[in-house]
Amino acid sequence: MLARLVGSASRNRIPRTIVLEAEQTLCKIILSDWDRNLYNVETMNETKANKTKTDGYIPALEAQGLVYQVQAKRLLDRVSVKAQRGTFVGLIGPNGAGKSTLLKTASGLLRAQEGSVSLEGIDLTSTSTKQVARTLAQVSQTPPYTYGFTGVELVLMGRYPHMGRFQVEGAEDRRIAAEAMELTQTEEFADRLVETLSGGERQRVFIAAALAQQPHVLLLDEPTSNLDIQHQLKTLDIVQGLVEQGMTAVAAIHDLSLAARYCSSLVLMSDGKVLAEGDAEDVLTSANIEAAFGVRTVVFRDPFTGTLSVSLLDQATPKESVSAATRVHLVCGGGTGARLMYELQRVGLTVTAGPLGGGDTDRSAADILGIEYVPVTAFGPIENDARSMHLELVEIADIVVLCDVPFGPSNTAMLGALSSARKLVIIEGTSLMERDFTGGAALHFFEGLSPVARPKGTGEAVVAILKLASDITPERAGEVKDD
């Protein structure tokens, strides 16, 4: 390693004084680890063996009651996290939540004022730096100083924990480094100076160096930052594959959908505390995300990946509370009612919809939100059963909303029920003449309706509906209209 450092210094004309300082520092680290921790290594192996005999479920990494404070600010406030062997734990949360601090504390880079960290059942403070590096590798958010080193030289640094004093990398070390670079598709950067690589390329080289350590536990701080979408998937595929082979991974990930897709479990952090942890279904709820990030979202299961996906709507604002007994029925389709469904349900109204054909965007939204609707065959005629169900939902609704939906021969049958609406709201973002494909039949029917409001879009519709709902007493809500 020293020889490699000197060679790099000569090649890049780094001042000799800096090289001497680096040599002295590296020697001190090596000798300190050698003299101080030889006993600890033996003790760790012996203790680990004894613990495994009595408990086959020792976590690969466990943090208990961690407190890390800088001046008056607690970056970690009694945080406890556990990563079982062969699992992929995702740390999620807004900037400043404490994810990076937790990873640094878990790796020993930071010393918590309170709490403990154990690595494979052994307290981190009683383990040598070198032994920790043989068991745990970390890819930091902030890259280390790498000026003057090539890609392969950086990756070979990952072999240092497995080498003796002043030992030069051997054939086995070079083979392991080459395999790590092949796995991360960084072979083409082997002879490139690291500082000439892009941010994403450099990130992949750092990951290769971590893999060259052959760790049992891999910590990654935003491993997909600076990566294009292809290499985001490739990087997480690599980590997931290593986990399937028995490695344990803990990663801070900003993309909530990717975290849900790849991680075995999630830990949601906010303000230095754990807000929620467990399976993605338990952690990634709209309420949890709003509490942590201050944004409104819809969480649904992606039909293609089969995993949870998060759709970001907007920043959270104080919501107006309305009696859940107030019922609103939406006549919509083709995506004209999806956002309105969400907005009305969010304030507490009971929402129904329909008729909606198979594959319709509004039908998918209703499924995601758990909203009752009238199902019909796509582009087919509305059968009698569907008409009856639609009429019933109109009659028991306190407010009926006709969205900006086009009308053709297949869906005009649902218009007749609108005359039974107690309070009718017609959204007119687009002229009805532009949406009437019935030869004027729909337009003629509309001329006989008496809506109480004609908003121009979803935003105006929400305001109008909330005003109408506020005038409905709980005793009258949901009553069937008198004939």
Protein backbone atom coordinates (compact mmCIF):
# COMPACT_ATOMS: atom_id res chain seq x y z
CA MET A 1 0.00 0.00 0.00
CA LEU A 2 2.85 2.41 0.84
CA ALA A 3 4.58 1.54 -2.40
CA ARG A 4 1.39 2.26 -4.29
CA LEU A 5 1.01 5.61 -2.52
CA VAL A 6 4.59 6.61 -3.35
CA GLY A 7 4.15 5.52 -6.97
CA SER A 8 0.99 7.55 -7.30
CA ALA A 9 2.72 10.56 -5.71
CA SER A 10 5.62 10.34 -8.15
CA ARG A 11 3.31 10.00 -11.11
CA ASN A 12 1.26 13.04 -10.13
CA ARG A 13 4.09 15.15 -8.60
CA ILE A 14 2.55 15.30 -5.13
CA PRO A 15 4.98 17.06 -2.73
CA ARG A 16 7.22 14.65 -0.85
CA THR A 17 6.27 16.18 2.52
CA ILE A 18 2.64 15.18 1.99
CA VAL A 19 3.71 11.65 1.06
CA LEU A 20 5.89 11.37 4.20
CA GLU A 21 2.99 12.53 6.38
CA ALA A 22 0.70 9.99 4.73
CA GLU A 23 3.29 7.22 5.26
CA GLN A 24 3.69 8.10 8.94
CA THR A 25 -0.07 8.24 9.51
CA LEU A 26 -0.66 4.94 7.75
CA CYS A 27 2.14 3.26 9.72
CA LYS A 28 0.70 4.52 12.99
CA ILE A 29 -2.72 3.14 12.07
CA ILE A 30 -1.28 -0.23 11.09
CA LEU A 31 0.95 -0.57 14.16
CA SER A 32 -1.76 0.71 16.48
CA ASP A 33 -4.23 -1.84 15.18
CA TRP A 34 -1.62 -4.61 15.27
CA ASP A 35 -0.48 -4.02 18.85
CA ARG A 36 -3.70 -2.88 20.48
CA ASN A 37 -6.22 -5.21 18.90
CA LEU A 38 -4.62 -8.58 18.29
CA TYR A 39 -6.21 -9.84 21.49
CA ASN A 40 -9.55 -8.27 20.56
CA VAL A 41 -9.67 -10.13 17.22
CA GLU A 42 -9.20 -13.48 18.92
CA THR A 43 -11.70 -12.59 21.61
CA MET A 44 -14.26 -11.46 19.01
CA ASN A 45 -14.07 -14.72 17.11
CA GLU A 46 -14.32 -16.78 20.29
CA THR A 47 -17.24 -14.75 21.66
CA LYS A 48 -19.05 -14.86 18.33
CA ALA A 49 -18.76 -18.64 18.23
CA ASN A 50 -20.10 -18.96 21.77
CA LYS A 51 -23.00 -16.60 21.07
CA THR A 52 -23.95 -18.46 17.89
CA LYS A 53 -24.25 -21.68 19.84
CA THR A 54 -26.81 -20.15 22.19
CA ASP A 55 -28.56 -17.76 19.82
CA GLY A 56 -28.86 -18.40 16.10
CA TYR A 57 -30.56 -15.07 15.49
CA ILE A 58 -27.89 -12.55 16.39
CA PRO A 59 -28.45 -9.43 14.25
CA ALA A 60 -25.71 -8.62 11.79
CA LEU A 61 -25.88 -5.01 12.96
CA GLU A 62 -27.78 -3.53 15.89
CA ALA A 63 -27.93 0.01 17.25
CA GLN A 64 -29.59 0.61 20.60
CA GLY A 65 -30.61 3.96 22.05
CA LEU A 66 -28.14 6.02 20.04
CA VAL A 67 -27.81 9.67 20.98
CA TYR A 68 -25.53 11.90 18.94
CA GLN A 69 -25.55 15.60 19.67
CA VAL A 70 -23.70 18.53 18.15
CA GLN A 71 -23.85 21.56 20.43
CA ALA A 72 -27.55 21.85 21.33
CA LYS A 73 -28.83 19.89 18.31
CA ARG A 74 -29.60 16.18 18.67
CA LEU A 75 -28.93 14.55 15.33
CA LEU A 76 -29.86 11.15 16.76
CA ASP A 77 -32.40 10.97 19.57
CA ARG A 78 -32.40 7.50 21.15
CA VAL A 79 -32.44 5.69 17.83
CA SER A 80 -32.63 1.90 17.81
CA VAL A 81 -32.32 -0.05 14.56
CA LYS A 82 -31.71 -3.73 13.87
CA ALA A 83 -30.56 -5.42 10.65
CA GLN A 84 -30.85 -9.19 10.56
CA ARG A 85 -28.42 -11.26 8.53
CA GLY A 86 -29.26 -11.52 4.85
CA THR A 87 -31.64 -8.54 4.82
CA PHE A 88 -31.69 -5.20 3.04
CA VAL A 89 -32.75 -2.39 5.37
CA GLY A 90 -33.67 0.95 3.79
CA LEU A 91 -33.32 4.21 5.71
CA ILE A 92 -35.74 6.81 4.38
CA GLY A 93 -36.63 10.31 5.49
CA PRO A 94 -36.14 13.96 4.58
CA ASN A 95 -32.82 15.79 4.52
CA GLY A 96 -31.51 16.25 8.05
CA ALA A 97 -33.51 13.32 9.41
CA GLY A 98 -30.36 11.62 10.75
CA LYS A 99 -29.83 8.87 8.16
CA SER A 100 -26.20 9.69 7.38
CA THR A 101 -25.38 10.26 11.04
CA LEU A 102 -26.87 6.87 11.88
CA LEU A 103 -24.75 5.16 9.22
CA LYS A 104 -21.57 6.90 10.40
CA THR A 105 -22.30 5.99 14.01
CA ALA A 106 -23.09 2.40 13.07
CA SER A 107 -19.75 2.09 11.26
CA GLY A 108 -17.74 3.65 14.09
CA LEU A 109 -16.83 6.81 12.20
CA LEU A 110 -18.76 8.76 14.83
CA ARG A 111 -18.95 7.93 18.53
CA ALA A 112 -22.43 8.33 20.04
CA GLN A 113 -22.71 10.05 23.41
CA GLU A 114 -25.23 7.43 24.49
CA GLY A 115 -26.24 3.98 23.27
CA SER A 116 -24.35 1.10 21.71
CA VAL A 117 -23.66 -0.52 18.36
CA SER A 118 -22.96 -4.23 17.98
CA LEU A 119 -21.55 -5.89 14.88
CA GLU A 120 -22.48 -9.57 14.66
CA GLY A 121 -23.10 -9.60 18.39
CA ILE A 122 -19.88 -7.81 19.42
CA ASP A 123 -19.79 -4.27 20.79
CA LEU A 124 -18.17 -1.99 18.23
CA THR A 125 -16.03 -0.24 20.85
CA SER A 126 -14.27 -3.48 21.77
CA THR A 127 -13.41 -4.33 18.16
CA SER A 128 -10.35 -3.19 16.22
CA THR A 129 -10.70 -0.81 13.31
CA LYS A 130 -9.15 -3.41 11.04
CA GLN A 131 -11.46 -6.17 12.18
CA VAL A 132 -14.46 -3.90 11.70
CA ALA A 133 -13.25 -3.22 8.16
CA ARG A 134 -13.04 -6.96 7.51
CA THR A 135 -16.68 -7.32 8.52
CA LEU A 136 -18.25 -4.01 7.48
CA ALA A 137 -17.81 -1.73 4.47
CA GLN A 138 -19.27 1.70 3.93
CA VAL A 139 -19.90 3.83 0.86
CA SER A 140 -20.22 7.39 2.12
CA GLN A 141 -22.26 10.21 0.66
CA THR A 142 -19.16 12.40 0.67
CA PRO A 143 -16.37 10.72 -1.33
CA PRO A 144 -12.92 10.37 0.26
CA TYR A 145 -9.79 12.12 -1.04
CA THR A 146 -8.74 10.17 -4.13
CA TYR A 147 -6.62 12.61 -6.15
CA GLY A 148 -3.88 10.89 -8.10
CA PHE A 149 -5.24 7.33 -7.83
CA THR A 150 -6.57 5.22 -10.66
CA GLY A 151 -9.79 3.25 -10.46
CA VAL A 152 -8.07 -0.08 -9.85
CA GLU A 153 -5.79 1.44 -7.21
CA LEU A 154 -8.80 2.74 -5.34
CA VAL A 155 -10.57 -0.61 -5.52
CA LEU A 156 -7.42 -2.41 -4.31
CA MET A 157 -7.52 -0.21 -1.21
CA GLY A 158 -10.52 -2.28 -0.22
CA ARG A 159 -8.13 -5.19 0.31
CA TYR A 160 -6.16 -3.37 3.03
CA PRO A 161 -8.08 -4.89 5.99
CA HIS A 162 -7.09 -8.37 4.79
CA MET A 163 -3.36 -7.59 4.42
CA GLY A 164 -0.50 -7.71 6.87
CA ARG A 165 1.95 -4.94 7.75
CA PHE A 166 3.62 -3.46 4.65
CA GLN A 167 2.19 -6.28 2.57
CA VAL A 168 1.83 -5.70 -1.18
CA GLU A 169 -1.34 -6.80 -2.95
CA GLY A 170 -1.05 -10.32 -4.30
CA ALA A 171 -2.70 -12.19 -7.13
CA GLU A 172 -5.69 -13.11 -4.96
CA ASP A 173 -6.24 -9.47 -4.02
CA ARG A 174 -6.06 -8.42 -7.64
CA ARG A 175 -8.50 -11.17 -8.60
CA ILE A 176 -11.02 -10.04 -5.97
CA ALA A 177 -10.64 -6.40 -7.03
CA ALA A 178 -11.15 -7.38 -10.68
CA GLU A 179 -14.32 -9.30 -9.78
CA ALA A 180 -15.66 -6.30 -7.86
CA MET A 181 -15.03 -4.04 -10.84
CA GLU A 182 -16.64 -6.53 -13.19
CA LEU A 183 -19.70 -6.77 -10.96
CA THR A 184 -20.08 -2.98 -10.87
CA GLN A 185 -19.17 -2.62 -14.56
CA THR A 186 -16.24 -0.34 -13.79
CA GLU A 187 -13.45 -2.30 -15.57
CA GLU A 188 -13.16 0.47 -18.16
CA PHE A 189 -12.15 2.87 -15.38
CA ALA A 190 -9.32 0.68 -14.09
CA ASP A 191 -6.55 2.88 -15.50
CA ARG A 192 -8.44 6.18 -15.38
CA LEU A 193 -7.58 8.71 -12.68
CA VAL A 194 -10.55 8.87 -10.31
CA GLU A 195 -10.77 12.66 -10.53
CA THR A 196 -11.43 12.37 -14.28
CA LEU A 197 -14.56 10.28 -13.74
CA SER A 198 -18.08 11.66 -13.58
CA GLY A 199 -19.92 11.68 -10.26
CA GLY A 200 -21.89 8.57 -11.17
CA GLU A 201 -18.84 6.70 -12.48
CA ARG A 202 -16.89 7.57 -9.34
CA GLN A 203 -19.77 6.34 -7.16
CA ARG A 204 -19.66 2.94 -8.86
CA VAL A 205 -15.90 2.71 -8.28
CA PHE A 206 -16.40 3.44 -4.58
CA ILE A 207 -18.98 0.66 -4.43
CA ALA A 208 -16.50 -1.67 -6.12
CA ALA A 209 -13.89 -0.78 -3.47
CA ALA A 210 -16.42 -1.59 -0.73
CA LEU A 211 -17.20 -4.94 -2.33
CA ALA A 212 -13.48 -5.72 -2.57
CA GLN A 213 -13.45 -5.71 1.24
CA GLN A 214 -15.70 -8.80 1.09
CA PRO A 215 -17.76 -7.50 4.01
CA HIS A 216 -20.57 -9.25 5.84
CA VAL A 217 -22.35 -5.92 6.30
CA LEU A 218 -22.54 -3.19 3.67
CA LEU A 219 -23.57 0.38 4.56
CA LEU A 220 -24.47 2.73 1.72
CA ASP A 221 -25.31 6.40 2.04
CA GLU A 222 -27.47 7.37 -0.94
CA PRO A 223 -25.86 4.82 -3.29
CA THR A 224 -28.03 5.88 -6.23
CA SER A 225 -27.28 9.60 -6.03
CA ASN A 226 -25.53 10.90 -9.18
CA LEU A 227 -26.51 7.71 -11.03
CA ASP A 228 -28.68 7.61 -14.15
CA ILE A 229 -31.83 5.50 -13.97
CA GLN A 230 -30.17 2.49 -15.60
CA HIS A 231 -27.32 2.39 -13.11
CA GLN A 232 -29.67 3.07 -10.21
CA LEU A 233 -31.38 -0.21 -11.01
CA LYS A 234 -28.10 -2.01 -11.69
CA THR A 235 -26.58 -0.85 -8.40
CA LEU A 236 -29.58 -1.90 -6.34
CA ASP A 237 -29.80 -5.18 -8.29
CA ILE A 238 -26.18 -5.85 -7.26
CA VAL A 239 -26.92 -5.11 -3.61
CA GLN A 240 -30.06 -7.22 -3.69
CA GLY A 241 -28.13 -10.11 -5.26
CA LEU A 242 -25.46 -9.92 -2.53
CA VAL A 243 -28.17 -9.90 0.12
CA GLU A 244 -29.67 -13.04 -1.40
CA GLN A 245 -26.23 -14.64 -0.97
CA GLY A 246 -26.20 -13.80 2.74
CA MET A 247 -24.79 -10.28 2.98
CA THR A 248 -26.56 -7.66 5.09
CA ALA A 249 -27.12 -4.20 3.59
CA VAL A 250 -28.29 -0.95 5.16
CA ALA A 251 -28.77 1.96 2.79
CA ALA A 252 -30.08 5.51 2.96
CA ILE A 253 -32.32 5.92 -0.10
CA HIS A 254 -34.25 9.02 -1.15
CA ASP A 255 -36.40 7.38 -3.81
CA LEU A 256 -39.28 5.91 -1.80
CA SER A 257 -40.53 3.72 -4.63
CA LEU A 258 -37.08 2.19 -5.18
CA ALA A 259 -36.71 1.67 -1.43
CA ALA A 260 -40.02 -0.19 -1.33
CA ARG A 261 -39.04 -2.25 -4.36
CA TYR A 262 -35.64 -3.43 -3.17
CA CYS A 263 -35.54 -3.33 0.63
CA SER A 264 -36.63 -6.13 2.98
CA SER A 265 -37.72 -3.55 5.55
CA LEU A 266 -37.79 0.22 5.91
CA VAL A 267 -36.94 2.66 8.70
CA LEU A 268 -38.58 6.08 8.36
CA MET A 269 -36.66 8.79 10.20
CA SER A 270 -37.56 12.39 10.98
CA ASP A 271 -35.84 14.94 13.22
CA GLY A 272 -33.33 12.38 14.49
CA LYS A 273 -35.98 9.88 15.55
CA VAL A 274 -37.48 6.72 14.12
CA LEU A 275 -40.99 7.57 13.02
CA ALA A 276 -41.94 4.12 11.70
CA GLU A 277 -40.23 0.83 10.85
CA GLY A 278 -41.18 -2.52 9.39
CA ASP A 279 -42.48 -3.77 6.06
CA ALA A 280 -43.02 -1.25 3.28
CA GLU A 281 -46.81 -1.64 3.65
CA ASP A 282 -46.60 -0.55 7.30
CA VAL A 283 -44.12 2.29 6.79
CA LEU A 284 -45.04 3.85 3.45
CA THR A 285 -48.47 5.20 4.27
CA SER A 286 -49.72 8.58 3.12
CA ALA A 287 -50.04 9.69 6.76
CA ASN A 288 -46.45 8.69 7.61
CA ILE A 289 -45.04 10.35 4.50
CA GLU A 290 -46.95 13.55 5.20
CA ALA A 291 -45.74 13.56 8.82
CA ALA A 292 -42.09 13.11 7.79
CA PHE A 293 -41.84 15.06 4.53
CA GLY A 294 -44.74 17.50 4.72
CA VAL A 295 -46.14 16.44 1.34
CA ARG A 296 -49.31 14.74 0.19
CA THR A 297 -48.99 11.47 -1.67
CA VAL A 298 -50.95 8.51 -2.92
CA VAL A 299 -49.36 5.14 -2.19
CA PHE A 300 -50.39 2.27 -4.45
CA ARG A 301 -49.15 -1.10 -5.64
CA ASP A 302 -47.47 -0.85 -9.02
CA PRO A 303 -49.16 -3.38 -11.35
CA PHE A 304 -45.90 -4.03 -13.19
CA THR A 305 -43.41 -4.47 -10.33
CA GLY A 306 -45.90 -5.69 -7.74
CA THR A 307 -44.32 -3.37 -5.16
CA LEU A 308 -45.50 -0.16 -3.55
CA SER A 309 -45.09 3.06 -5.48
CA VAL A 310 -45.49 6.63 -4.27
CA SER A 311 -47.17 9.32 -6.35
CA LEU A 312 -46.25 12.80 -5.17
CA LEU A 313 -49.10 15.32 -5.25
CA ASP A 314 -48.14 18.57 -3.53
CA GLN A 315 -47.09 20.15 -0.26
CA ALA A 316 -49.31 19.38 2.69
CA THR A 317 -51.69 22.09 3.84
CA PRO A 318 -54.15 22.17 6.75
CA LYS A 319 -57.22 20.25 5.65
CA GLU A 320 -60.80 21.24 6.27
CA SER A 321 -62.77 18.61 8.17
CA VAL A 322 -66.21 17.58 6.85
CA SER A 323 -68.63 15.03 8.23
CA ALA A 324 -67.93 11.56 6.84
CA ALA A 325 -71.70 11.03 6.69
CA THR A 326 -71.85 13.41 3.72
CA ARG A 327 -71.89 11.39 0.52
CA VAL A 328 -70.65 12.59 -2.87
CA HIS A 329 -71.16 10.58 -6.05
CA LEU A 330 -68.92 11.34 -9.05
CA VAL A 331 -69.98 10.70 -12.62
CA CYS A 332 -66.60 10.60 -14.28
CA GLY A 333 -64.26 8.60 -16.49
CA GLY A 334 -61.09 8.89 -18.52
CA GLY A 335 -59.14 10.48 -15.67
CA THR A 336 -61.59 13.37 -15.15
CA GLY A 337 -62.40 12.34 -11.57
CA ALA A 338 -59.19 10.84 -10.12
CA ARG A 339 -57.82 13.96 -8.44
CA LEU A 340 -61.29 14.98 -7.25
CA MET A 341 -61.76 11.55 -5.63
CA TYR A 342 -58.55 12.03 -3.68
CA GLU A 343 -59.31 15.61 -2.59
CA LEU A 344 -62.82 14.82 -1.41
CA GLN A 345 -61.84 11.62 0.37
CA ARG A 346 -58.94 13.39 2.06
CA VAL A 347 -61.24 15.91 3.78
CA GLY A 348 -63.43 13.10 5.09
CA LEU A 349 -66.29 12.86 2.61
CA THR A 350 -67.68 9.47 1.61
CA VAL A 351 -67.07 9.23 -2.14
CA THR A 352 -68.58 6.88 -4.73
CA ALA A 353 -68.17 6.85 -8.50
CA GLY A 354 -69.30 5.31 -11.70
CA PRO A 355 -70.11 3.77 -13.98
CA LEU A 356 -66.45 3.03 -14.79
CA GLY A 357 -65.21 0.64 -17.45
CA GLY A 358 -62.31 -1.78 -17.17
CA GLY A 359 -58.94 -0.11 -17.74
CA ASP A 360 -60.33 3.37 -17.08
CA THR A 361 -57.92 5.70 -15.26
CA ASP A 362 -60.63 6.77 -12.83
CA ARG A 363 -61.43 3.13 -12.09
CA SER A 364 -57.77 2.48 -11.26
CA ALA A 365 -57.78 5.54 -8.99
CA ALA A 366 -60.92 4.29 -7.24
CA ASP A 367 -59.26 0.91 -6.68
CA ILE A 368 -56.18 2.56 -5.19
CA LEU A 369 -58.24 4.81 -2.91
CA GLY A 370 -60.70 2.07 -1.93
CA ILE A 371 -63.68 3.98 -3.34
CA GLU A 372 -66.92 2.17 -4.21
CA TYR A 373 -67.86 2.44 -7.89
CA VAL A 374 -70.19 0.94 -10.50
CA PRO A 375 -68.15 -1.48 -12.64
CA VAL A 376 -69.05 -1.88 -16.31
CA THR A 377 -67.46 -3.40 -19.40
CA ALA A 378 -65.10 -1.07 -21.23
CA PHE A 379 -66.73 0.60 -24.27
CA GLY A 380 -69.80 -1.60 -23.87
CA PRO A 381 -73.41 -0.71 -23.12
CA ILE A 382 -74.39 -0.10 -19.50
CA GLU A 383 -76.46 -3.10 -18.40
CA ASN A 384 -79.59 -2.88 -16.24
CA ASP A 385 -77.83 -4.01 -13.05
CA ALA A 386 -75.22 -1.28 -13.44
CA ARG A 387 -77.94 1.30 -14.16
CA SER A 388 -79.79 0.30 -10.98
CA MET A 389 -76.65 0.50 -8.88
CA HIS A 390 -75.77 3.87 -10.39
CA LEU A 391 -79.26 5.24 -9.73
CA GLU A 392 -79.14 4.03 -6.13
CA LEU A 393 -75.77 5.77 -5.50
CA VAL A 394 -77.15 8.99 -7.04
CA GLU A 395 -80.27 8.87 -4.88
CA ILE A 396 -78.44 8.36 -1.57
CA ALA A 397 -75.75 10.94 -2.38
CA ASP A 398 -76.00 14.36 -0.80
CA ILE A 399 -74.10 15.84 -3.74
CA VAL A 400 -73.69 14.47 -7.28
CA VAL A 401 -70.84 15.76 -9.43
CA LEU A 402 -70.76 15.43 -13.20
CA CYS A 403 -67.14 15.68 -14.24
CA ASP A 404 -65.73 16.97 -17.51
CA VAL A 405 -66.34 13.62 -19.18
CA PRO A 406 -67.15 13.11 -22.90
CA PHE A 407 -70.44 11.42 -23.83
CA GLY A 408 -71.08 8.87 -26.52
CA PRO A 409 -73.68 6.20 -27.28
CA SER A 410 -72.24 3.80 -24.68
CA ASN A 411 -72.48 6.06 -21.62
CA THR A 412 -75.51 8.28 -22.19
CA ALA A 413 -77.63 5.78 -20.27
CA MET A 414 -76.17 7.08 -17.00
CA LEU A 415 -77.40 10.61 -17.63
CA GLY A 416 -81.01 9.84 -16.79
CA ALA A 417 -80.16 9.24 -13.12
CA LEU A 418 -78.88 12.81 -12.75
CA SER A 419 -82.44 14.14 -12.56
CA SER A 420 -82.69 12.34 -9.19
CA ALA A 421 -79.70 14.21 -7.74
CA ARG A 422 -80.39 16.15 -4.55
CA LYS A 423 -77.69 18.73 -5.35
CA LEU A 424 -76.00 18.59 -8.73
CA VAL A 425 -72.60 20.11 -9.55
CA ILE A 426 -71.53 20.16 -13.21
CA ILE A 427 -67.84 20.77 -13.96
CA GLU A 428 -67.52 22.72 -17.22
CA GLY A 429 -63.80 22.96 -17.91
CA THR A 430 -64.57 22.06 -21.52
CA SER A 431 -67.65 23.09 -23.41
CA LEU A 432 -70.30 20.34 -23.51
CA MET A 433 -70.61 20.81 -27.26
CA GLU A 434 -66.99 19.67 -27.58
CA ARG A 435 -67.74 16.60 -25.45
CA ASP A 436 -71.05 15.57 -26.99
CA PHE A 437 -70.60 12.70 -29.44
CA THR A 438 -74.27 11.68 -29.41
CA GLY A 439 -75.50 13.94 -32.20
CA GLY A 440 -76.89 16.46 -29.73
CA ALA A 441 -78.83 14.04 -27.48
CA ALA A 442 -76.59 14.66 -24.44
CA LEU A 443 -76.69 18.44 -24.97
CA HIS A 444 -80.49 18.36 -25.13
CA PHE A 445 -80.68 16.41 -21.88
CA PHE A 446 -78.34 18.83 -20.09
CA GLU A 447 -80.54 21.78 -20.97
CA GLY A 448 -83.16 20.33 -18.62
CA LEU A 449 -80.83 20.05 -15.59
CA SER A 450 -80.55 22.63 -12.81
CA PRO A 451 -77.09 22.43 -11.23
CA VAL A 452 -76.35 24.37 -8.06
CA ALA A 453 -72.81 25.12 -9.20
CA ARG A 454 -70.82 25.14 -12.46
CA PRO A 455 -67.12 25.18 -11.51
CA LYS A 456 -64.51 25.41 -14.28
CA GLY A 457 -62.07 22.80 -12.92
CA THR A 458 -61.14 20.47 -10.07
CA GLY A 459 -59.92 23.24 -7.76
CA GLU A 460 -63.13 25.25 -8.08
CA ALA A 461 -65.16 22.05 -7.76
CA VAL A 462 -63.55 21.17 -4.43
CA VAL A 463 -64.35 24.61 -3.04
CA ALA A 464 -67.97 24.44 -4.25
CA ILE A 465 -68.50 20.91 -2.90
CA LEU A 466 -67.04 21.75 0.50
CA LYS A 467 -69.33 24.78 0.75
CA LEU A 468 -72.34 22.64 -0.09
CA ALA A 469 -71.22 19.93 2.35
CA SER A 470 -70.86 22.44 5.17
CA ASP A 471 -74.53 23.34 4.77
CA ILE A 472 -75.64 19.73 5.20
CA THR A 473 -76.40 18.75 8.79
CA PRO A 474 -75.24 15.30 9.96
CA GLU A 475 -78.90 14.37 10.52
CA ARG A 476 -79.76 15.02 6.86
CA ALA A 477 -76.58 13.54 5.36
CA GLY A 478 -77.12 10.34 3.43
CA GLU A 479 -80.94 10.46 3.60
CA VAL A 480 -82.76 9.11 0.59
CA LYS A 481 -84.40 11.87 -1.48
CA ASP A 482 -88.16 12.14 -1.07
CA ASP A 483 -90.21 11.49 -4.16
